[in-house]
Amino acid sequence: MIYREKILAALNANKAEFALFQNELREQMTEYRRALDLLTELDSNQLTKLLEGSDASGARPVEEFNGSIVVPMGKEFRNHEEARLWAYDTLIGRTTFAADGSQILPSKDYSLPVAGVQTGWFENHHLPGVPYVKDAAFEILTPSEVMVRTGGETEISEQIVHRRRYAMEAAAIKNYMRAKRESGFDESKPPVVFFDSLLVISFAELLPPDQREFYVSEIISLLDTSQQTAIPIIGYIDTSFARDLVNMLQAAFNLADSQRVVDGPLMTDRMKWGDRTRLFRCARRGILESYGEEWRRGIGFVYLKTTGDGPPSRIDLPMWVYERGLLDYVIDTVRGEVIVGNGYPYAIESADQTAVISQRDREMFYAVFQEFAEREGLDLRIARKSVSKAQRR
């Protein structure tokens, strides 16, 4: 049980820290907004010259600025019905695909550790009379897979389960792209694959070397498969804390280092629904150094306004998509999916619904596991603490 008065007391004890954070953020935002104003006075060649000597400046311009880094959608809707009609006309005949995963982590309450991973996927051809495809795969991780030795103990590893989930999601996407390449498609209107994460996996920088290598290998494999099959893959996230534009502004105008400002909120007031930023090449320090020569600077990004008043979403994509003239096609596809999904890409939302494992599902999983153990004569014991908790709740 949590106590309201204790929460308020703890918050009050730290109110000075919250106020300091807010004041520093306002000051830094003001400085970086001025830098954005200066940026509109430059063209992309002038900006590139300012960034010379800084290979890891966060971002590098790809498209011409023409006085602004924002590209207007060029269309406004009076109501949601108009938006949905535009989305229908845009998406008709365009195939979209997404995969997502969920997991059941192993529990110390059971003497036989077991875990489960489920991957769901959703494909929509957006053609009348052609049904969508929604399916899932489920895998078990056995005790020998989830238990690892650490010094003098044997521990259950949740990280192994997360890795299996990531690998299954990546495999579902790669299998799909290869199958579509085999069956053939119009390369001027290729399927668009949604990846529910960014393609620049900064989270992996915090992991031990062997785990970091695993995630980088999976991402490179996705990027390679996308290029080989000529099927665009986009990494999509609606709340990004990336600082690539911020770091670019800092490098270009010699600004003080900002610990508070991130790209999304910085761009919010300059964009209307459906607007996007110009395409930038991601030139970030850190994890991209592990991507190899082809992909180290082979990923671009844009910010796309998908809500009326919130920060824009971030979209990562391989640079070959732009080089083959498919950027506007992909962005319009994302806009259409966001309209159908009421603010979030419908393909990702549908894949998530297919993959998700609820608390009730977890309870059913362990009930089935207990039946299986009894039938197979396995010595399965449940900790008394777990039984006691279940009875109290």
Protein backbone atom coordinates (compact mmCIF):
# COMPACT_ATOMS: atom_id res chain seq x y z
CA MET A 1 0.00 0.00 0.00
CA ILE A 2 1.19 3.52 -0.78
CA TYR A 3 0.36 6.52 1.43
CA ARG A 4 -0.66 9.86 -0.11
CA GLU A 5 0.60 12.01 2.76
CA LYS A 6 4.03 10.37 2.66
CA ILE A 7 4.28 11.01 -1.09
CA LEU A 8 3.42 14.69 -0.55
CA ALA A 9 5.96 14.98 2.26
CA ALA A 10 8.71 13.49 0.09
CA LEU A 11 7.80 15.82 -2.81
CA ASN A 12 7.80 18.89 -0.55
CA ALA A 13 11.22 17.93 0.77
CA ASN A 14 12.56 18.09 -2.80
CA LYS A 15 10.61 21.05 -4.20
CA ALA A 16 13.73 23.19 -4.47
CA GLU A 17 15.31 20.61 -6.80
CA PHE A 18 12.23 20.62 -9.06
CA ALA A 19 12.22 24.43 -9.17
CA LEU A 20 15.95 24.52 -10.01
CA PHE A 21 15.48 22.01 -12.82
CA GLN A 22 12.58 24.03 -14.27
CA ASN A 23 14.47 27.33 -14.14
CA GLU A 24 17.59 25.87 -15.76
CA LEU A 25 15.47 24.29 -18.48
CA ARG A 26 13.78 27.61 -19.29
CA GLU A 27 17.10 29.43 -19.52
CA GLN A 28 18.65 26.77 -21.76
CA MET A 29 15.56 26.53 -23.97
CA THR A 30 15.68 30.31 -24.53
CA GLU A 31 19.31 30.11 -25.64
CA TYR A 32 18.74 27.21 -28.01
CA ARG A 33 15.59 28.76 -29.49
CA ARG A 34 17.69 31.80 -30.40
CA ALA A 35 20.15 29.44 -32.08
CA LEU A 36 17.30 27.91 -34.08
CA ASP A 37 16.40 31.41 -35.27
CA LEU A 38 19.99 31.89 -36.41
CA LEU A 39 19.82 28.57 -38.22
CA THR A 40 16.98 29.81 -40.44
CA GLU A 41 19.31 32.50 -41.79
CA LEU A 42 21.73 29.87 -43.12
CA ASP A 43 21.56 27.42 -45.98
CA SER A 44 22.72 23.83 -45.58
CA ASN A 45 26.15 24.56 -47.11
CA GLN A 46 26.80 27.34 -44.61
CA LEU A 47 25.76 25.06 -41.76
CA THR A 48 28.02 22.29 -43.04
CA LYS A 49 30.92 24.75 -43.05
CA LEU A 50 30.19 25.71 -39.42
CA LEU A 51 30.31 22.03 -38.49
CA GLU A 52 33.63 21.33 -40.19
CA GLY A 53 36.07 19.62 -37.89
CA SER A 54 33.31 18.05 -35.81
CA ASP A 55 32.56 14.61 -37.22
CA ALA A 56 30.27 13.79 -34.28
CA SER A 57 28.19 16.96 -34.23
CA GLY A 58 24.94 15.09 -33.51
CA ALA A 59 23.34 15.85 -36.88
CA ARG A 60 24.40 16.77 -40.39
CA PRO A 61 22.09 18.50 -42.91
CA VAL A 62 20.93 16.47 -45.89
CA GLU A 63 18.11 18.51 -47.44
CA GLU A 64 18.34 22.23 -48.30
CA PHE A 65 16.90 24.54 -45.64
CA ASN A 66 15.25 27.22 -47.76
CA GLY A 67 14.92 29.46 -44.70
CA SER A 68 13.51 26.83 -42.35
CA ILE A 69 14.30 23.37 -41.07
CA VAL A 70 10.56 22.63 -40.98
CA VAL A 71 8.82 21.18 -44.03
CA PRO A 72 5.07 21.99 -43.84
CA MET A 73 2.67 19.20 -44.66
CA GLY A 74 0.93 21.66 -46.98
CA LYS A 75 -2.54 20.50 -46.05
CA GLU A 76 -4.90 21.35 -43.20
CA PHE A 77 -7.99 19.43 -42.12
CA ARG A 78 -11.13 21.09 -40.78
CA ASN A 79 -12.16 17.95 -38.89
CA HIS A 80 -11.18 14.37 -38.26
CA GLU A 81 -13.43 13.12 -41.06
CA GLU A 82 -11.39 15.07 -43.61
CA ALA A 83 -8.20 13.71 -42.10
CA ARG A 84 -9.46 10.15 -42.33
CA LEU A 85 -10.48 10.64 -45.98
CA TRP A 86 -6.97 11.90 -46.74
CA ALA A 87 -5.48 8.92 -44.90
CA TYR A 88 -7.70 6.51 -46.85
CA ASP A 89 -6.69 8.02 -50.20
CA THR A 90 -3.02 8.02 -49.18
CA LEU A 91 -2.83 4.50 -47.79
CA ILE A 92 -4.94 2.73 -50.43
CA GLY A 93 -2.72 0.09 -52.00
CA ARG A 94 0.21 0.77 -49.66
CA THR A 95 1.28 -2.18 -47.52
CA THR A 96 2.38 -1.60 -43.94
CA PHE A 97 3.85 -4.07 -41.48
CA ALA A 98 4.88 -4.00 -37.83
CA ALA A 99 6.05 -6.49 -35.23
CA ASP A 100 6.14 -6.22 -31.47
CA GLY A 101 6.90 -8.48 -28.53
CA SER A 102 6.03 -9.25 -24.93
CA GLN A 103 7.49 -11.57 -22.34
CA ILE A 104 6.86 -13.55 -19.18
CA LEU A 105 9.93 -13.22 -17.00
CA PRO A 106 11.16 -16.16 -14.91
CA SER A 107 10.14 -16.14 -11.26
CA LYS A 108 12.17 -17.23 -8.23
CA ASP A 109 8.90 -18.38 -6.72
CA TYR A 110 9.05 -21.52 -8.89
CA SER A 111 11.73 -24.15 -8.35
CA LEU A 112 11.84 -24.74 -12.12
CA PRO A 113 12.58 -21.38 -13.78
CA VAL A 114 10.70 -20.84 -17.00
CA ALA A 115 10.10 -17.84 -19.24
CA GLY A 116 8.00 -17.14 -22.30
CA VAL A 117 8.32 -14.70 -25.20
CA GLN A 118 5.59 -13.80 -27.66
CA THR A 119 6.00 -11.85 -30.88
CA GLY A 120 3.00 -10.50 -32.74
CA TRP A 121 2.87 -8.98 -36.21
CA PHE A 122 0.36 -7.12 -38.35
CA GLU A 123 0.31 -6.62 -42.12
CA ASN A 124 -2.25 -4.44 -43.90
CA HIS A 125 -2.42 -4.13 -47.70
CA HIS A 126 -4.98 -1.32 -47.48
CA LEU A 127 -6.95 -2.84 -50.33
CA PRO A 128 -10.71 -3.54 -50.30
CA GLY A 129 -11.34 -7.26 -50.17
CA VAL A 130 -7.77 -8.13 -49.15
CA PRO A 131 -7.73 -9.21 -45.49
CA TYR A 132 -5.06 -8.04 -43.10
CA VAL A 133 -2.70 -10.56 -41.50
CA LYS A 134 -2.42 -10.72 -37.72
CA ASP A 135 -0.47 -13.57 -36.12
CA ALA A 136 1.93 -14.42 -33.31
CA ALA A 137 4.73 -16.80 -32.34
CA PHE A 138 5.44 -18.06 -28.83
CA GLU A 139 8.67 -19.53 -27.47
CA ILE A 140 9.62 -21.08 -24.12
CA LEU A 141 12.93 -20.46 -22.41
CA THR A 142 13.94 -23.46 -20.31
CA PRO A 143 15.87 -23.48 -16.99
CA SER A 144 19.20 -24.05 -18.74
CA GLU A 145 18.61 -20.91 -20.83
CA VAL A 146 17.52 -18.49 -18.10
CA MET A 147 19.93 -19.52 -15.34
CA VAL A 148 23.50 -18.22 -15.32
CA ARG A 149 26.43 -18.57 -12.91
CA THR A 150 27.71 -15.37 -11.31
CA GLY A 151 30.64 -15.97 -8.96
CA GLY A 152 29.46 -18.27 -6.17
CA GLU A 153 25.75 -18.28 -7.11
CA THR A 154 23.43 -19.30 -9.90
CA GLU A 155 21.07 -16.48 -10.83
CA ILE A 156 18.01 -16.09 -13.02
CA SER A 157 18.78 -13.74 -15.93
CA GLU A 158 15.99 -11.45 -17.11
CA GLN A 159 18.36 -9.94 -19.67
CA ILE A 160 18.41 -13.22 -21.59
CA VAL A 161 14.62 -13.04 -21.93
CA HIS A 162 14.78 -9.44 -23.18
CA ARG A 163 17.38 -10.46 -25.73
CA ARG A 164 15.23 -13.34 -26.99
CA ARG A 165 12.30 -10.97 -27.39
CA TYR A 166 14.40 -8.48 -29.35
CA ALA A 167 15.76 -11.24 -31.58
CA MET A 168 12.27 -12.60 -32.25
CA GLU A 169 10.94 -9.16 -33.20
CA ALA A 170 13.89 -8.61 -35.54
CA ALA A 171 13.49 -12.08 -37.05
CA ALA A 172 9.78 -11.49 -37.73
CA ILE A 173 10.62 -8.29 -39.60
CA LYS A 174 13.50 -9.81 -41.59
CA ASN A 175 11.46 -12.88 -42.53
CA TYR A 176 8.68 -10.62 -43.73
CA MET A 177 10.96 -8.43 -45.85
CA ARG A 178 12.63 -11.43 -47.46
CA ALA A 179 9.27 -13.04 -48.23
CA LYS A 180 7.97 -9.82 -49.83
CA ARG A 181 11.13 -9.50 -51.90
CA GLU A 182 10.66 -13.08 -53.07
CA SER A 183 7.00 -12.54 -54.02
CA GLY A 184 7.74 -9.19 -55.68
CA PHE A 185 6.28 -5.68 -55.38
CA ASP A 186 6.21 -2.32 -57.14
CA GLU A 187 9.46 -0.66 -56.01
CA SER A 188 7.89 2.79 -56.44
CA LYS A 189 5.32 1.78 -53.76
CA PRO A 190 7.16 -0.65 -51.49
CA PRO A 191 5.83 -1.96 -48.18
CA VAL A 192 6.76 0.21 -45.21
CA VAL A 193 7.92 -1.64 -42.11
CA PHE A 194 7.50 -0.07 -38.66
CA PHE A 195 10.02 -0.89 -35.93
CA ASP A 196 8.79 0.08 -32.47
CA SER A 197 12.15 1.52 -31.42
CA LEU A 198 14.80 3.78 -32.89
CA LEU A 199 17.43 2.46 -35.27
CA VAL A 200 20.13 4.30 -33.33
CA ILE A 201 20.05 2.20 -30.16
CA SER A 202 21.59 4.50 -27.58
CA PHE A 203 20.28 2.27 -24.76
CA ALA A 204 22.91 -0.34 -25.71
CA GLU A 205 25.74 2.01 -24.69
CA LEU A 206 24.92 1.26 -21.04
CA LEU A 207 25.18 -2.52 -21.48
CA PRO A 208 28.19 -4.82 -20.99
CA PRO A 209 30.22 -5.38 -24.20
CA ASP A 210 28.76 -8.81 -25.07
CA GLN A 211 25.17 -7.58 -24.72
CA ARG A 212 25.91 -4.37 -26.61
CA GLU A 213 27.39 -6.42 -29.44
CA PHE A 214 24.23 -8.53 -29.60
CA TYR A 215 21.88 -5.57 -30.03
CA VAL A 216 24.15 -3.81 -32.52
CA SER A 217 24.37 -7.01 -34.56
CA GLU A 218 20.58 -7.31 -34.66
CA ILE A 219 20.14 -3.70 -35.80
CA ILE A 220 22.80 -4.00 -38.50
CA SER A 221 21.11 -7.17 -39.73
CA LEU A 222 17.78 -5.31 -39.95
CA LEU A 223 19.39 -2.42 -41.84
CA ASP A 224 21.18 -4.79 -44.23
CA THR A 225 18.00 -6.74 -44.92
CA SER A 226 16.05 -3.54 -45.54
CA GLN A 227 18.61 -2.35 -48.08
CA GLN A 228 18.92 -5.75 -49.78
CA THR A 229 15.15 -6.14 -50.16
CA ALA A 230 14.50 -2.44 -51.02
CA ILE A 231 11.85 -2.28 -48.28
CA PRO A 232 12.01 0.83 -46.07
CA ILE A 233 12.22 0.20 -42.34
CA ILE A 234 11.54 3.09 -39.98
CA GLY A 235 12.27 3.30 -36.29
CA TYR A 236 9.41 5.18 -34.66
CA ILE A 237 9.10 6.59 -31.16
CA ASP A 238 6.57 9.19 -30.07
CA THR A 239 8.50 10.44 -27.02
CA SER A 240 12.17 10.86 -27.80
CA PHE A 241 14.90 12.26 -25.55
CA ALA A 242 17.42 12.43 -28.40
CA ARG A 243 19.69 15.50 -28.51
CA ASP A 244 21.08 15.35 -32.04
CA LEU A 245 19.73 18.74 -33.17
CA VAL A 246 20.69 20.26 -29.81
CA ASN A 247 24.26 18.97 -30.17
CA MET A 248 24.38 20.28 -33.75
CA LEU A 249 23.33 23.77 -32.58
CA GLN A 250 25.90 23.66 -29.79
CA ALA A 251 28.67 22.74 -32.25
CA ALA A 252 27.61 25.29 -34.89
CA PHE A 253 27.21 28.29 -32.57
CA ASN A 254 29.59 27.42 -29.72
CA LEU A 255 26.78 27.30 -27.17
CA ALA A 256 27.16 26.25 -23.56
CA ASP A 257 26.55 22.57 -22.96
CA SER A 258 22.90 21.87 -22.21
CA GLN A 259 21.94 19.01 -19.92
CA ARG A 260 18.22 19.82 -19.96
CA VAL A 261 17.21 20.53 -23.55
CA VAL A 262 16.25 17.75 -25.97
CA ASP A 263 15.19 17.94 -29.62
CA GLY A 264 11.45 17.26 -29.41
CA PRO A 265 10.30 20.06 -27.07
CA LEU A 266 12.69 22.47 -28.79
CA MET A 267 10.81 21.98 -32.07
CA THR A 268 7.26 21.82 -30.69
CA ASP A 269 6.21 25.46 -31.16
CA ARG A 270 7.64 25.65 -34.69
CA MET A 271 5.54 22.84 -36.12
CA LYS A 272 1.87 22.22 -36.87
CA TRP A 273 0.27 18.80 -37.12
CA GLY A 274 1.72 16.86 -40.04
CA ASP A 275 4.80 19.05 -40.43
CA ARG A 276 8.22 17.43 -40.42
CA THR A 277 11.76 18.65 -40.04
CA ARG A 278 14.24 18.46 -42.86
CA LEU A 279 16.09 15.17 -43.03
CA PHE A 280 19.34 15.06 -41.07
CA ARG A 281 22.04 12.44 -41.07
CA CYS A 282 22.61 11.11 -37.55
CA ALA A 283 26.21 11.93 -36.58
CA ARG A 284 26.17 10.94 -32.96
CA ARG A 285 29.05 9.86 -30.78
CA GLY A 286 29.00 6.53 -28.98
CA ILE A 287 27.00 3.57 -30.22
CA LEU A 288 27.19 4.46 -33.92
CA GLU A 289 30.93 3.82 -33.81
CA SER A 290 29.99 0.12 -33.52
CA TYR A 291 27.77 0.17 -36.64
CA GLY A 292 30.57 -0.37 -39.15
CA GLU A 293 31.58 1.92 -41.99
CA GLU A 294 28.38 1.49 -44.02
CA TRP A 295 25.92 2.32 -41.25
CA ARG A 296 28.00 4.56 -38.96
CA ARG A 297 26.66 7.54 -40.93
CA GLY A 298 24.02 5.67 -42.87
CA ILE A 299 20.98 6.51 -40.74
CA GLY A 300 18.89 9.65 -41.10
CA PHE A 301 16.15 11.11 -38.93
CA VAL A 302 13.25 13.52 -39.05
CA TYR A 303 10.83 14.80 -36.44
CA LEU A 304 7.16 14.56 -37.39
CA LYS A 305 4.38 16.43 -35.57
CA THR A 306 1.73 13.81 -34.79
CA THR A 307 -0.21 15.68 -32.06
CA GLY A 308 -1.75 19.12 -31.87
CA ASP A 309 0.22 20.42 -28.90
CA GLY A 310 2.80 17.78 -27.90
CA PRO A 311 6.42 17.36 -29.03
CA PRO A 312 6.99 15.76 -32.44
CA SER A 313 7.67 12.06 -32.84
CA ARG A 314 11.07 10.87 -34.03
CA ILE A 315 11.55 8.72 -37.12
CA ASP A 316 14.86 7.00 -37.93
CA LEU A 317 15.35 5.56 -41.40
CA PRO A 318 18.19 4.22 -43.56
CA MET A 319 19.70 6.88 -45.81
CA TRP A 320 19.09 4.73 -48.88
CA VAL A 321 15.37 5.52 -48.53
CA TYR A 322 16.11 9.20 -49.20
CA GLU A 323 18.65 8.42 -51.91
CA ARG A 324 16.02 6.44 -53.84
CA GLY A 325 13.47 9.25 -53.62
CA LEU A 326 11.17 7.49 -51.14
CA LEU A 327 11.29 9.92 -48.20
CA ASP A 328 8.01 11.72 -48.92
CA TYR A 329 6.31 8.41 -49.68
CA VAL A 330 7.38 7.00 -46.31
CA ILE A 331 6.45 10.14 -44.35
CA ASP A 332 2.98 10.30 -45.93
CA THR A 333 2.52 6.63 -45.06
CA VAL A 334 3.36 7.39 -41.43
CA ARG A 335 0.95 10.35 -41.41
CA GLY A 336 -1.83 8.12 -42.72
CA GLU A 337 -1.13 5.42 -40.14
CA VAL A 338 -1.11 8.00 -37.33
CA ILE A 339 -4.50 9.35 -38.43
CA VAL A 340 -6.02 5.88 -38.55
CA GLY A 341 -4.45 5.08 -35.17
CA ASN A 342 -5.75 8.30 -33.56
CA GLY A 343 -2.29 9.68 -32.80
CA TYR A 344 -0.12 6.56 -33.00
CA PRO A 345 0.71 4.38 -36.04
CA TYR A 346 -2.08 1.84 -36.38
CA ALA A 347 0.29 -0.89 -37.58
CA ILE A 348 2.42 -0.70 -34.40
CA GLU A 349 -0.68 -0.46 -32.22
CA SER A 350 -2.15 -3.58 -33.83
CA ALA A 351 1.09 -5.56 -33.52
CA ASP A 352 1.27 -4.58 -29.84
CA GLN A 353 -2.30 -5.76 -29.24
CA THR A 354 -1.42 -9.08 -30.86
CA ALA A 355 1.76 -9.56 -28.83
CA VAL A 356 0.75 -8.19 -25.43
CA ILE A 357 0.68 -10.58 -22.46
CA SER A 358 -1.62 -9.38 -19.69
CA GLN A 359 -1.44 -10.23 -16.00
CA ARG A 360 -4.30 -12.67 -16.53
CA ASP A 361 -2.32 -14.28 -19.36
CA ARG A 362 0.66 -14.68 -17.03
CA GLU A 363 -1.49 -16.36 -14.42
CA MET A 364 -2.86 -18.71 -17.07
CA PHE A 365 0.68 -19.44 -18.30
CA TYR A 366 1.81 -20.54 -14.83
CA ALA A 367 -1.35 -22.59 -14.34
CA VAL A 368 -0.63 -24.43 -17.59
CA PHE A 369 3.01 -24.84 -16.55
CA GLN A 370 1.94 -26.41 -13.24
CA GLU A 371 -0.34 -28.85 -15.10
CA PHE A 372 2.51 -29.70 -17.46
CA ALA A 373 4.95 -30.28 -14.58
CA GLU A 374 2.52 -32.55 -12.78
CA ARG A 375 1.78 -34.56 -15.91
CA GLU A 376 5.46 -34.98 -16.72
CA GLY A 377 6.42 -35.87 -13.16
CA LEU A 378 8.59 -32.79 -12.67
CA ASP A 379 9.44 -31.69 -9.14
CA LEU A 380 7.89 -28.22 -9.16
CA ARG A 381 7.67 -26.32 -5.88
CA ILE A 382 6.13 -22.90 -5.29
CA ALA A 383 7.60 -20.60 -2.62
CA ARG A 384 5.39 -20.14 0.44
CA LYS A 385 5.82 -16.38 0.17
CA SER A 386 4.18 -16.41 -3.25
CA VAL A 387 1.30 -18.56 -2.01
CA SER A 388 0.81 -16.26 0.98
CA LYS A 389 0.77 -13.17 -1.24
CA ALA A 390 -1.82 -14.70 -3.53
CA GLN A 391 -4.06 -15.56 -0.61
CA ARG A 392 -3.80 -12.05 0.93
CA ARG A 393 -4.57 -10.29 -2.32
